[in-house]
């Protein structure tokens, strides 16, 4: 079990850095990669405090229904959608088209393996 919250945040940031361009992951998926799928809120908190979106692309994390954060930390609520659209992510009815852009199980497994290296 991870004792230090700074270590947990670093694991979360490392997981987010593995999300491929043009794809998104849910808070739950990132929490699972960090070792506990119940840490969704902690993931959101850590991403809100992300020191550098240029290094850790937290805009690639959305809720389970594909909606962007209502208070995206780097430029306001519309910035997340703009960043995603800039990477080719498409939206349907106001949310990410998860059928095309959510990480697959293969992506998840590759990301998990990348965290173990």
PDB file of N, CA and C in Angstrom:
ATOM      1  N   UNK A   1       0.834  -1.188   0.000  1.00  0.00           N
ATOM      2  CA  UNK A   1       0.000   0.000   0.000  1.00  0.00           C
ATOM      3  C   UNK A   1       0.875   1.246   0.000  1.00  0.00           C
ATOM      4  N   UNK A   2       0.471   2.253  -0.740  1.00  0.00           N
ATOM      5  CA  UNK A   2       1.227   3.492  -0.838  1.00  0.00           C
ATOM      6  C   UNK A   2       0.906   4.351   0.373  1.00  0.00           C
ATOM      7  N   UNK A   3       1.927   4.702   1.128  1.00  0.00           N
ATOM      8  CA  UNK A   3       1.748   5.493   2.340  1.00  0.00           C
ATOM      9  C   UNK A   3       1.787   6.988   2.053  1.00  0.00           C
ATOM     10  N   UNK A   4       2.670   7.406   1.192  1.00  0.00           N
ATOM     11  CA  UNK A   4       2.917   8.823   0.945  1.00  0.00           C
ATOM     12  C   UNK A   4       2.015   9.336  -0.178  1.00  0.00           C
ATOM     13  N   UNK A   5       1.218  10.376   0.123  1.00  0.00           N
ATOM     14  CA  UNK A   5       0.309  10.928  -0.887  1.00  0.00           C
ATOM     15  C   UNK A   5       1.075  11.531  -2.067  1.00  0.00           C
ATOM     16  N   UNK A   6       2.291  12.020  -1.830  1.00  0.00           N
ATOM     17  CA  UNK A   6       3.092  12.542  -2.939  1.00  0.00           C
ATOM     18  C   UNK A   6       3.461  11.416  -3.899  1.00  0.00           C
ATOM     19  N   UNK A   7       3.778  10.236  -3.345  1.00  0.00           N
ATOM     20  CA  UNK A   7       4.081   9.078  -4.191  1.00  0.00           C
ATOM     21  C   UNK A   7       2.852   8.675  -5.001  1.00  0.00           C
ATOM     22  N   UNK A   8       1.681   8.693  -4.379  1.00  0.00           N
ATOM     23  CA  UNK A   8       0.447   8.339  -5.074  1.00  0.00           C
ATOM     24  C   UNK A   8       0.169   9.335  -6.197  1.00  0.00           C
ATOM     25  N   UNK A   9       0.349  10.605  -5.929  1.00  0.00           N
ATOM     26  CA  UNK A   9       0.152  11.616  -6.973  1.00  0.00           C
ATOM     27  C   UNK A   9       1.116  11.380  -8.131  1.00  0.00           C
ATOM     28  N   UNK A  10       2.347  11.028  -7.826  1.00  0.00           N
ATOM     29  CA  UNK A  10       3.329  10.776  -8.895  1.00  0.00           C
ATOM     30  C   UNK A  10       2.937   9.556  -9.723  1.00  0.00           C
ATOM     31  N   UNK A  11       2.367   8.533  -9.084  1.00  0.00           N
ATOM     32  CA  UNK A  11       1.894   7.357  -9.825  1.00  0.00           C
ATOM     33  C   UNK A  11       0.731   7.760 -10.730  1.00  0.00           C
ATOM     34  N   UNK A  12      -0.156   8.587 -10.212  1.00  0.00           N
ATOM     35  CA  UNK A  12      -1.282   9.080 -11.017  1.00  0.00           C
ATOM     36  C   UNK A  12      -0.761   9.857 -12.217  1.00  0.00           C
ATOM     37  N   UNK A  13       0.181  10.767 -11.990  1.00  0.00           N
ATOM     38  CA  UNK A  13       0.737  11.548 -13.105  1.00  0.00           C
ATOM     39  C   UNK A  13       1.421  10.637 -14.115  1.00  0.00           C
ATOM     40  N   UNK A  14       2.136   9.620 -13.633  1.00  0.00           N
ATOM     41  CA  UNK A  14       2.804   8.683 -14.549  1.00  0.00           C
ATOM     42  C   UNK A  14       1.772   7.930 -15.384  1.00  0.00           C
ATOM     43  N   UNK A  15       0.660   7.539 -14.770  1.00  0.00           N
ATOM     44  CA  UNK A  15      -0.399   6.841 -15.508  1.00  0.00           C
ATOM     45  C   UNK A  15      -0.998   7.750 -16.572  1.00  0.00           C
ATOM     46  N   UNK A  16      -1.266   9.001 -16.218  1.00  0.00           N
ATOM     47  CA  UNK A  16      -1.860   9.953 -17.166  1.00  0.00           C
ATOM     48  C   UNK A  16      -0.911  10.211 -18.333  1.00  0.00           C
ATOM     49  N   UNK A  17       0.381  10.243 -18.064  1.00  0.00           N
ATOM     50  CA  UNK A  17       1.352  10.464 -19.153  1.00  0.00           C
ATOM     51  C   UNK A  17       1.338   9.325 -20.162  1.00  0.00           C
ATOM     52  N   UNK A  18       0.770   8.181 -19.791  1.00  0.00           N
ATOM     53  CA  UNK A  18       0.719   7.022 -20.688  1.00  0.00           C
ATOM     54  C   UNK A  18      -0.514   7.021 -21.599  1.00  0.00           C
ATOM     55  N   UNK A  19      -1.464   7.912 -21.346  1.00  0.00           N
ATOM     56  CA  UNK A  19      -2.671   7.943 -22.197  1.00  0.00           C
ATOM     57  C   UNK A  19      -2.255   8.412 -23.588  1.00  0.00           C
ATOM     58  N   UNK A  20      -2.519   7.608 -24.607  1.00  0.00           N
ATOM     59  CA  UNK A  20      -2.116   8.007 -25.966  1.00  0.00           C
ATOM     60  C   UNK A  20      -2.851   9.264 -26.443  1.00  0.00           C
ATOM     61  N   UNK A  21      -2.184  10.036 -27.247  1.00  0.00           N
ATOM     62  CA  UNK A  21      -2.789  11.214 -27.870  1.00  0.00           C
ATOM     63  C   UNK A  21      -4.023  10.751 -28.665  1.00  0.00           C
ATOM     64  N   UNK A  22      -5.120  11.494 -28.562  1.00  0.00           N
ATOM     65  CA  UNK A  22      -6.349  11.130 -29.259  1.00  0.00           C
ATOM     66  C   UNK A  22      -7.222  10.160 -28.487  1.00  0.00           C
ATOM     67  N   UNK A  23      -6.790   9.791 -27.285  1.00  0.00           N
ATOM     68  CA  UNK A  23      -7.546   8.883 -26.426  1.00  0.00           C
ATOM     69  C   UNK A  23      -7.832   9.584 -25.104  1.00  0.00           C
ATOM     70  N   UNK A  24      -8.789   9.052 -24.365  1.00  0.00           N
ATOM     71  CA  UNK A  24      -9.073   9.530 -23.016  1.00  0.00           C
ATOM     72  C   UNK A  24      -9.183   8.325 -22.091  1.00  0.00           C
ATOM     73  N   UNK A  25      -9.032   8.593 -20.810  1.00  0.00           N
ATOM     74  CA  UNK A  25      -9.252   7.585 -19.771  1.00  0.00           C
ATOM     75  C   UNK A  25     -10.175   8.204 -18.735  1.00  0.00           C
ATOM     76  N   UNK A  26     -10.866   7.362 -17.998  1.00  0.00           N
ATOM     77  CA  UNK A  26     -11.740   7.859 -16.937  1.00  0.00           C
ATOM     78  C   UNK A  26     -10.944   7.985 -15.638  1.00  0.00           C
ATOM     79  N   UNK A  27     -11.495   8.747 -14.718  1.00  0.00           N
ATOM     80  CA  UNK A  27     -10.882   8.871 -13.399  1.00  0.00           C
ATOM     81  C   UNK A  27     -10.739   7.494 -12.758  1.00  0.00           C
ATOM     82  N   UNK A  28     -11.736   6.637 -12.938  1.00  0.00           N
ATOM     83  CA  UNK A  28     -11.701   5.287 -12.365  1.00  0.00           C
ATOM     84  C   UNK A  28     -10.575   4.452 -12.966  1.00  0.00           C
ATOM     85  N   UNK A  29     -10.373   4.579 -14.267  1.00  0.00           N
ATOM     86  CA  UNK A  29      -9.298   3.824 -14.904  1.00  0.00           C
ATOM     87  C   UNK A  29      -7.936   4.268 -14.381  1.00  0.00           C
ATOM     88  N   UNK A  30      -7.754   5.565 -14.221  1.00  0.00           N
ATOM     89  CA  UNK A  30      -6.479   6.062 -13.689  1.00  0.00           C
ATOM     90  C   UNK A  30      -6.314   5.611 -12.242  1.00  0.00           C
ATOM     91  N   UNK A  31      -7.402   5.652 -11.464  1.00  0.00           N
ATOM     92  CA  UNK A  31      -7.340   5.176 -10.081  1.00  0.00           C
ATOM     93  C   UNK A  31      -6.946   3.692 -10.047  1.00  0.00           C
ATOM     94  N   UNK A  32      -7.506   2.895 -10.949  1.00  0.00           N
ATOM     95  CA  UNK A  32      -7.167   1.470 -11.009  1.00  0.00           C
ATOM     96  C   UNK A  32      -5.691   1.284 -11.352  1.00  0.00           C
ATOM     97  N   UNK A  33      -5.183   2.084 -12.264  1.00  0.00           N
ATOM     98  CA  UNK A  33      -3.761   1.998 -12.604  1.00  0.00           C
ATOM     99  C   UNK A  33      -2.880   2.386 -11.422  1.00  0.00           C
ATOM    100  N   UNK A  34      -3.398   3.272 -10.571  1.00  0.00           N
ATOM    101  CA  UNK A  34      -2.656   3.699  -9.386  1.00  0.00           C
ATOM    102  C   UNK A  34      -2.809   2.705  -8.233  1.00  0.00           C
ATOM    103  N   UNK A  35      -3.650   1.677  -8.424  1.00  0.00           N
ATOM    104  CA  UNK A  35      -3.744   0.625  -7.439  1.00  0.00           C
ATOM    105  C   UNK A  35      -5.044   0.535  -6.670  1.00  0.00           C
ATOM    106  N   UNK A  36      -5.971   1.481  -6.866  1.00  0.00           N
ATOM    107  CA  UNK A  36      -7.228   1.420  -6.120  1.00  0.00           C
ATOM    108  C   UNK A  36      -8.305   2.157  -6.900  1.00  0.00           C
ATOM    109  N   UNK A  37      -9.211   1.417  -7.517  1.00  0.00           N
ATOM    110  CA  UNK A  37     -10.237   2.028  -8.370  1.00  0.00           C
ATOM    111  C   UNK A  37     -11.204   2.918  -7.590  1.00  0.00           C
ATOM    112  N   UNK A  38     -11.169   2.864  -6.263  1.00  0.00           N
ATOM    113  CA  UNK A  38     -12.031   3.720  -5.448  1.00  0.00           C
ATOM    114  C   UNK A  38     -11.454   5.108  -5.206  1.00  0.00           C
ATOM    115  N   UNK A  39     -10.300   5.393  -5.746  1.00  0.00           N
ATOM    116  CA  UNK A  39      -9.645   6.685  -5.532  1.00  0.00           C
ATOM    117  C   UNK A  39      -9.966   7.707  -6.619  1.00  0.00           C
ATOM    118  N   UNK A  40     -11.129   7.605  -7.229  1.00  0.00           N
ATOM    119  CA  UNK A  40     -11.507   8.507  -8.324  1.00  0.00           C
ATOM    120  C   UNK A  40     -11.390   9.970  -7.912  1.00  0.00           C
ATOM    121  N   UNK A  41     -11.922  10.297  -6.761  1.00  0.00           N
ATOM    122  CA  UNK A  41     -11.893  11.691  -6.304  1.00  0.00           C
ATOM    123  C   UNK A  41     -10.469  12.158  -6.039  1.00  0.00           C
ATOM    124  N   UNK A  42      -9.649  11.267  -5.507  1.00  0.00           N
ATOM    125  CA  UNK A  42      -8.252  11.628  -5.277  1.00  0.00           C
ATOM    126  C   UNK A  42      -7.553  11.902  -6.610  1.00  0.00           C
ATOM    127  N   UNK A  43      -7.868  11.096  -7.623  1.00  0.00           N
ATOM    128  CA  UNK A  43      -7.300  11.326  -8.952  1.00  0.00           C
ATOM    129  C   UNK A  43      -7.676  12.732  -9.432  1.00  0.00           C
ATOM    130  N   UNK A  44      -8.956  13.082  -9.314  1.00  0.00           N
ATOM    131  CA  UNK A  44      -9.403  14.408  -9.720  1.00  0.00           C
ATOM    132  C   UNK A  44      -8.681  15.512  -8.966  1.00  0.00           C
ATOM    133  N   UNK A  45      -8.508  15.313  -7.683  1.00  0.00           N
ATOM    134  CA  UNK A  45      -7.791  16.285  -6.858  1.00  0.00           C
ATOM    135  C   UNK A  45      -6.348  16.437  -7.305  1.00  0.00           C
ATOM    136  N   UNK A  46      -5.689  15.312  -7.515  1.00  0.00           N
ATOM    137  CA  UNK A  46      -4.287  15.340  -7.949  1.00  0.00           C
ATOM    138  C   UNK A  46      -4.153  16.034  -9.306  1.00  0.00           C
ATOM    139  N   UNK A  47      -5.073  15.742 -10.219  1.00  0.00           N
ATOM    140  CA  UNK A  47      -4.991  16.348 -11.550  1.00  0.00           C
ATOM    141  C   UNK A  47      -5.270  17.841 -11.483  1.00  0.00           C
ATOM    142  N   UNK A  48      -6.127  18.245 -10.568  1.00  0.00           N
ATOM    143  CA  UNK A  48      -6.399  19.677 -10.393  1.00  0.00           C
ATOM    144  C   UNK A  48      -5.136  20.417  -9.933  1.00  0.00           C
ATOM    145  N   UNK A  49      -4.263  19.695  -9.226  1.00  0.00           N
ATOM    146  CA  UNK A  49      -3.010  20.276  -8.715  1.00  0.00           C
ATOM    147  C   UNK A  49      -1.815  19.979  -9.621  1.00  0.00           C
ATOM    148  N   UNK A  50      -2.074  19.375 -10.768  1.00  0.00           N
ATOM    149  CA  UNK A  50      -1.012  19.006 -11.708  1.00  0.00           C
ATOM    150  C   UNK A  50      -0.096  20.200 -11.963  1.00  0.00           C
ATOM    151  N   UNK A  51       1.196  20.060 -11.690  1.00  0.00           N
ATOM    152  CA  UNK A  51       2.104  21.192 -11.863  1.00  0.00           C
ATOM    153  C   UNK A  51       2.371  21.586 -13.312  1.00  0.00           C
ATOM    154  N   UNK A  52       2.157  20.671 -14.260  1.00  0.00           N
ATOM    155  CA  UNK A  52       2.445  21.018 -15.654  1.00  0.00           C
ATOM    156  C   UNK A  52       1.633  20.169 -16.615  1.00  0.00           C
ATOM    157  N   UNK A  53       0.646  20.792 -17.272  1.00  0.00           N
ATOM    158  CA  UNK A  53      -0.135  20.062 -18.263  1.00  0.00           C
ATOM    159  C   UNK A  53       0.707  19.728 -19.492  1.00  0.00           C
ATOM    160  N   UNK A  54       1.780  20.474 -19.716  1.00  0.00           N
ATOM    161  CA  UNK A  54       2.664  20.174 -20.841  1.00  0.00           C
ATOM    162  C   UNK A  54       3.380  18.840 -20.627  1.00  0.00           C
ATOM    163  N   UNK A  55       3.619  18.480 -19.367  1.00  0.00           N
ATOM    164  CA  UNK A  55       4.295  17.229 -19.034  1.00  0.00           C
ATOM    165  C   UNK A  55       3.284  16.118 -18.774  1.00  0.00           C
ATOM    166  N   UNK A  56       2.229  16.437 -18.052  1.00  0.00           N
ATOM    167  CA  UNK A  56       1.204  15.466 -17.676  1.00  0.00           C
ATOM    168  C   UNK A  56      -0.128  15.928 -18.254  1.00  0.00           C
ATOM    169  N   UNK A  57      -0.556  15.343 -19.376  1.00  0.00           N
ATOM    170  CA  UNK A  57      -1.749  15.821 -20.088  1.00  0.00           C
ATOM    171  C   UNK A  57      -3.067  15.435 -19.404  1.00  0.00           C
ATOM    172  N   UNK A  58      -3.331  16.100 -18.288  1.00  0.00           N
ATOM    173  CA  UNK A  58      -4.521  15.740 -17.509  1.00  0.00           C
ATOM    174  C   UNK A  58      -5.817  16.033 -18.258  1.00  0.00           C
ATOM    175  N   UNK A  59      -5.748  16.795 -19.339  1.00  0.00           N
ATOM    176  CA  UNK A  59      -6.959  17.035 -20.133  1.00  0.00           C
ATOM    177  C   UNK A  59      -7.479  15.745 -20.759  1.00  0.00           C
ATOM    178  N   UNK A  60      -6.688  14.693 -20.768  1.00  0.00           N
ATOM    179  CA  UNK A  60      -7.107  13.411 -21.352  1.00  0.00           C
ATOM    180  C   UNK A  60      -7.902  12.546 -20.374  1.00  0.00           C
ATOM    181  N   UNK A  61      -8.197  13.077 -19.201  1.00  0.00           N
ATOM    182  CA  UNK A  61      -8.979  12.324 -18.212  1.00  0.00           C
ATOM    183  C   UNK A  61     -10.359  12.964 -18.109  1.00  0.00           C
ATOM    184  N   UNK A  62     -11.380  12.141 -18.294  1.00  0.00           N
ATOM    185  CA  UNK A  62     -12.776  12.596 -18.268  1.00  0.00           C
ATOM    186  C   UNK A  62     -13.572  11.707 -17.315  1.00  0.00           C
ATOM    187  N   UNK A  63     -14.805  12.089 -17.042  1.00  0.00           N
ATOM    188  CA  UNK A  63     -15.601  11.221 -16.164  1.00  0.00           C
ATOM    189  C   UNK A  63     -16.073   9.993 -16.931  1.00  0.00           C
ATOM    190  N   UNK A  64     -16.712   9.080 -16.230  1.00  0.00           N
ATOM    191  CA  UNK A  64     -17.098   7.787 -16.810  1.00  0.00           C
ATOM    192  C   UNK A  64     -18.064   7.912 -17.976  1.00  0.00           C
ATOM    193  N   UNK A  65     -18.776   9.027 -18.075  1.00  0.00           N
ATOM    194  CA  UNK A  65     -19.704   9.244 -19.183  1.00  0.00           C
ATOM    195  C   UNK A  65     -19.073  10.060 -20.304  1.00  0.00           C
ATOM    196  N   UNK A  66     -17.813  10.441 -20.134  1.00  0.00           N
ATOM    197  CA  UNK A  66     -17.104  11.174 -21.175  1.00  0.00           C
ATOM    198  C   UNK A  66     -17.187  12.676 -21.066  1.00  0.00           C
ATOM    199  N   UNK A  67     -17.734  13.179 -19.974  1.00  0.00           N
ATOM    200  CA  UNK A  67     -17.843  14.628 -19.822  1.00  0.00           C
ATOM    201  C   UNK A  67     -16.548  15.215 -19.287  1.00  0.00           C
ATOM    202  N   UNK A  68     -16.220  16.381 -19.787  1.00  0.00           N
ATOM    203  CA  UNK A  68     -15.042  17.119 -19.330  1.00  0.00           C
ATOM    204  C   UNK A  68     -15.316  17.695 -17.944  1.00  0.00           C
ATOM    205  N   UNK A  69     -14.254  18.081 -17.291  1.00  0.00           N
ATOM    206  CA  UNK A  69     -14.369  18.720 -15.990  1.00  0.00           C
ATOM    207  C   UNK A  69     -15.056  20.064 -16.141  1.00  0.00           C
ATOM    208  N   UNK A  70     -15.929  20.387 -15.214  1.00  0.00           N
ATOM    209  CA  UNK A  70     -16.597  21.674 -15.242  1.00  0.00           C
ATOM    210  C   UNK A  70     -15.692  22.806 -14.809  1.00  0.00           C
ATOM    211  N   UNK A  71     -14.536  22.457 -14.242  1.00  0.00           N
ATOM    212  CA  UNK A  71     -13.615  23.493 -13.762  1.00  0.00           C
ATOM    213  C   UNK A  71     -12.184  23.152 -14.142  1.00  0.00           C
ATOM    214  N   UNK A  72     -11.963  22.874 -15.402  1.00  0.00           N
ATOM    215  CA  UNK A  72     -10.638  22.472 -15.856  1.00  0.00           C
ATOM    216  C   UNK A  72      -9.603  23.480 -15.374  1.00  0.00           C
ATOM    217  N   UNK A  73      -8.589  23.000 -14.697  1.00  0.00           N
ATOM    218  CA  UNK A  73      -7.623  23.846 -13.990  1.00  0.00           C
ATOM    219  C   UNK A  73      -6.735  24.685 -14.909  1.00  0.00           C
ATOM    220  N   UNK A  74      -6.611  24.316 -16.153  1.00  0.00           N
ATOM    221  CA  UNK A  74      -5.662  25.006 -17.028  1.00  0.00           C
ATOM    222  C   UNK A  74      -6.368  25.778 -18.127  1.00  0.00           C
ATOM    223  N   UNK A  75      -7.021  26.865 -17.744  1.00  0.00           N
ATOM    224  CA  UNK A  75      -7.614  27.730 -18.752  1.00  0.00           C
ATOM    225  C   UNK A  75      -9.123  27.788 -18.756  1.00  0.00           C
ATOM    226  N   UNK A  76      -9.776  27.267 -17.750  1.00  0.00           N
ATOM    227  CA  UNK A  76     -11.220  27.358 -17.679  1.00  0.00           C
ATOM    228  C   UNK A  76     -11.924  26.132 -18.226  1.00  0.00           C
ATOM    229  N   UNK A  77     -13.244  26.083 -18.095  1.00  0.00           N
ATOM    230  CA  UNK A  77     -14.012  24.876 -18.422  1.00  0.00           C
ATOM    231  C   UNK A  77     -13.984  24.460 -19.887  1.00  0.00           C
ATOM    232  N   UNK A  78     -13.776  25.394 -20.810  1.00  0.00           N
ATOM    233  CA  UNK A  78     -13.766  25.031 -22.232  1.00  0.00           C
ATOM    234  C   UNK A  78     -12.394  24.583 -22.729  1.00  0.00           C
ATOM    235  N   UNK A  79     -11.362  24.859 -21.949  1.00  0.00           N
ATOM    236  CA  UNK A  79      -9.994  24.549 -22.377  1.00  0.00           C
ATOM    237  C   UNK A  79      -9.777  23.050 -22.556  1.00  0.00           C
ATOM    238  N   UNK A  80     -10.359  22.236 -21.686  1.00  0.00           N
ATOM    239  CA  UNK A  80     -10.176  20.790 -21.793  1.00  0.00           C
ATOM    240  C   UNK A  80     -10.731  20.280 -23.119  1.00  0.00           C
ATOM    241  N   UNK A  81     -11.932  20.685 -23.453  1.00  0.00           N
ATOM    242  CA  UNK A  81     -12.531  20.252 -24.714  1.00  0.00           C
ATOM    243  C   UNK A  81     -11.685  20.731 -25.901  1.00  0.00           C
ATOM    244  N   UNK A  82     -11.230  21.971 -25.859  1.00  0.00           N
ATOM    245  CA  UNK A  82     -10.410  22.505 -26.949  1.00  0.00           C
ATOM    246  C   UNK A  82      -9.128  21.699 -27.116  1.00  0.00           C
ATOM    247  N   UNK A  83      -8.485  21.352 -25.997  1.00  0.00           N
ATOM    248  CA  UNK A  83      -7.255  20.555 -26.070  1.00  0.00           C
ATOM    249  C   UNK A  83      -7.536  19.173 -26.666  1.00  0.00           C
ATOM    250  N   UNK A  84      -8.625  18.558 -26.225  1.00  0.00           N
ATOM    251  CA  UNK A  84      -8.976  17.234 -26.751  1.00  0.00           C
ATOM    252  C   UNK A  84      -9.307  17.295 -28.234  1.00  0.00           C
ATOM    253  N   UNK A  85     -10.103  18.279 -28.634  1.00  0.00           N
ATOM    254  CA  UNK A  85     -10.429  18.417 -30.058  1.00  0.00           C
ATOM    255  C   UNK A  85      -9.173  18.672 -30.874  1.00  0.00           C
ATOM    256  N   UNK A  86      -8.217  19.384 -30.310  1.00  0.00           N
ATOM    257  CA  UNK A  86      -6.940  19.619 -30.983  1.00  0.00           C
ATOM    258  C   UNK A  86      -6.149  18.344 -31.219  1.00  0.00           C
ATOM    259  N   UNK A  87      -6.466  17.307 -30.447  1.00  0.00           N
ATOM    260  CA  UNK A  87      -5.812  16.006 -30.598  1.00  0.00           C
ATOM    261  C   UNK A  87      -6.658  15.042 -31.426  1.00  0.00           C
ATOM    262  N   UNK A  88      -7.776  15.531 -31.965  1.00  0.00           N
ATOM    263  CA  UNK A  88      -8.614  14.694 -32.805  1.00  0.00           C
ATOM    264  C   UNK A  88      -9.738  13.976 -32.082  1.00  0.00           C
ATOM    265  N   UNK A  89      -9.927  14.277 -30.803  1.00  0.00           N
ATOM    266  CA  UNK A  89     -11.008  13.644 -30.045  1.00  0.00           C
ATOM    267  C   UNK A  89     -12.327  14.295 -30.463  1.00  0.00           C
ATOM    268  N   UNK A  90     -13.322  13.448 -30.737  1.00  0.00           N
ATOM    269  CA  UNK A  90     -14.624  13.951 -31.164  1.00  0.00           C
ATOM    270  C   UNK A  90     -15.625  13.879 -30.010  1.00  0.00           C
ATOM    271  N   UNK A  91     -16.630  14.726 -30.116  1.00  0.00           N
ATOM    272  CA  UNK A  91     -17.665  14.825 -29.090  1.00  0.00           C
ATOM    273  C   UNK A  91     -19.027  14.543 -29.699  1.00  0.00           C
ATOM    274  N   UNK A  92     -19.904  13.940 -28.900  1.00  0.00           N
ATOM    275  CA  UNK A  92     -21.282  13.665 -29.280  1.00  0.00           C
ATOM    276  C   UNK A  92     -22.160  14.128 -28.120  1.00  0.00           C
ATOM    277  N   UNK A  93     -23.117  14.991 -28.412  1.00  0.00           N
ATOM    278  CA  UNK A  93     -24.041  15.482 -27.381  1.00  0.00           C
ATOM    279  C   UNK A  93     -23.315  16.036 -26.153  1.00  0.00           C
ATOM    280  N   UNK A  94     -22.207  16.732 -26.385  1.00  0.00           N
ATOM    281  CA  UNK A  94     -21.509  17.409 -25.295  1.00  0.00           C
ATOM    282  C   UNK A  94     -20.501  16.582 -24.529  1.00  0.00           C
ATOM    283  N   UNK A  95     -20.295  15.323 -24.927  1.00  0.00           N
ATOM    284  CA  UNK A  95     -19.298  14.509 -24.235  1.00  0.00           C
ATOM    285  C   UNK A  95     -18.426  13.770 -25.249  1.00  0.00           C
ATOM    286  N   UNK A  96     -17.284  13.309 -24.774  1.00  0.00           N
ATOM    287  CA  UNK A  96     -16.355  12.579 -25.637  1.00  0.00           C
ATOM    288  C   UNK A  96     -17.055  11.344 -26.191  1.00  0.00           C
ATOM    289  N   UNK A  97     -16.844  11.090 -27.461  1.00  0.00           N
ATOM    290  CA  UNK A  97     -17.353   9.872 -28.091  1.00  0.00           C
ATOM    291  C   UNK A  97     -16.483   8.712 -27.589  1.00  0.00           C
ATOM    292  N   UNK A  98     -16.917   8.122 -26.472  1.00  0.00           N
ATOM    293  CA  UNK A  98     -16.124   7.080 -25.824  1.00  0.00           C
ATOM    294  C   UNK A  98     -15.967   5.840 -26.681  1.00  0.00           C
ATOM    295  N   UNK A  99     -16.898   5.604 -27.586  1.00  0.00           N
ATOM    296  CA  UNK A  99     -16.782   4.422 -28.442  1.00  0.00           C
ATOM    297  C   UNK A  99     -15.567   4.507 -29.363  1.00  0.00           C
ATOM    298  N   UNK A 100     -15.074   5.704 -29.590  1.00  0.00           N
ATOM    299  CA  UNK A 100     -13.901   5.886 -30.446  1.00  0.00           C
ATOM    300  C   UNK A 100     -12.645   6.305 -29.692  1.00  0.00           C
ATOM    301  N   UNK A 101     -12.793   6.903 -28.515  1.00  0.00           N
ATOM    302  CA  UNK A 101     -11.627   7.528 -27.888  1.00  0.00           C
ATOM    303  C   UNK A 101     -11.255   7.021 -26.507  1.00  0.00           C
ATOM    304  N   UNK A 102     -12.112   6.224 -25.855  1.00  0.00           N
ATOM    305  CA  UNK A 102     -11.757   5.687 -24.548  1.00  0.00           C
ATOM    306  C   UNK A 102     -10.664   4.642 -24.721  1.00  0.00           C
ATOM    307  N   UNK A 103      -9.687   4.650 -23.825  1.00  0.00           N
ATOM    308  CA  UNK A 103      -8.635   3.645 -23.926  1.00  0.00           C
ATOM    309  C   UNK A 103      -9.257   2.251 -23.912  1.00  0.00           C
ATOM    310  N   UNK A 104      -8.665   1.371 -24.672  1.00  0.00           N
ATOM    311  CA  UNK A 104      -9.142  -0.011 -24.741  1.00  0.00           C
ATOM    312  C   UNK A 104      -8.501  -0.829 -23.618  1.00  0.00           C
ATOM    313  N   UNK A 105      -8.949  -2.047 -23.468  1.00  0.00           N
ATOM    314  CA  UNK A 105      -8.329  -2.937 -22.479  1.00  0.00           C
ATOM    315  C   UNK A 105      -6.859  -3.160 -22.818  1.00  0.00           C
ATOM    316  N   UNK A 106      -6.552  -3.266 -24.113  1.00  0.00           N
ATOM    317  CA  UNK A 106      -5.152  -3.422 -24.519  1.00  0.00           C
ATOM    318  C   UNK A 106      -4.339  -2.184 -24.144  1.00  0.00           C
ATOM    319  N   UNK A 107      -4.919  -0.991 -24.368  1.00  0.00           N
ATOM    320  CA  UNK A 107      -4.244   0.246 -23.957  1.00  0.00           C
ATOM    321  C   UNK A 107      -3.991   0.226 -22.451  1.00  0.00           C
ATOM    322  N   UNK A 108      -5.043  -0.160 -21.699  1.00  0.00           N
ATOM    323  CA  UNK A 108      -4.951  -0.202 -20.237  1.00  0.00           C
ATOM    324  C   UNK A 108      -3.815  -1.124 -19.800  1.00  0.00           C
ATOM    325  N   UNK A 109      -3.766  -2.313 -20.387  1.00  0.00           N
ATOM    326  CA  UNK A 109      -2.723  -3.278 -20.017  1.00  0.00           C
ATOM    327  C   UNK A 109      -1.331  -2.756 -20.370  1.00  0.00           C
ATOM    328  N   UNK A 110      -1.205  -2.111 -21.526  1.00  0.00           N
ATOM    329  CA  UNK A 110       0.089  -1.532 -21.917  1.00  0.00           C
ATOM    330  C   UNK A 110       0.482  -0.409 -20.959  1.00  0.00           C
ATOM    331  N   UNK A 111      -0.485   0.412 -20.565  1.00  0.00           N
ATOM    332  CA  UNK A 111      -0.207   1.486 -19.621  1.00  0.00           C
ATOM    333  C   UNK A 111       0.222   0.905 -18.276  1.00  0.00           C
ATOM    334  N   UNK A 112      -0.459  -0.133 -17.845  1.00  0.00           N
ATOM    335  CA  UNK A 112      -0.137  -0.792 -16.578  1.00  0.00           C
ATOM    336  C   UNK A 112       1.291  -1.360 -16.619  1.00  0.00           C
ATOM    337  N   UNK A 113       1.630  -2.007 -17.729  1.00  0.00           N
ATOM    338  CA  UNK A 113       2.972  -2.553 -17.884  1.00  0.00           C
ATOM    339  C   UNK A 113       4.009  -1.439 -17.886  1.00  0.00           C
ATOM    340  N   UNK A 114       3.660  -0.315 -18.512  1.00  0.00           N
ATOM    341  CA  UNK A 114       4.588   0.830 -18.540  1.00  0.00           C
ATOM    342  C   UNK A 114       4.853   1.409 -17.170  1.00  0.00           C
ATOM    343  N   UNK A 115       3.891   1.277 -16.267  1.00  0.00           N
ATOM    344  CA  UNK A 115       4.070   1.767 -14.911  1.00  0.00           C
ATOM    345  C   UNK A 115       4.963   0.861 -14.078  1.00  0.00           C
ATOM    346  N   UNK A 116       5.073  -0.391 -14.474  1.00  0.00           N
ATOM    347  CA  UNK A 116       5.873  -1.350 -13.721  1.00  0.00           C
ATOM    348  C   UNK A 116       7.344  -1.303 -14.090  1.00  0.00           C
ATOM    349  N   UNK A 117       7.670  -0.622 -15.159  1.00  0.00           N
ATOM    350  CA  UNK A 117       9.054  -0.577 -15.645  1.00  0.00           C
ATOM    351  C   UNK A 117       9.900   0.273 -14.736  1.00  0.00           C
TER     352      UNK A 117
END
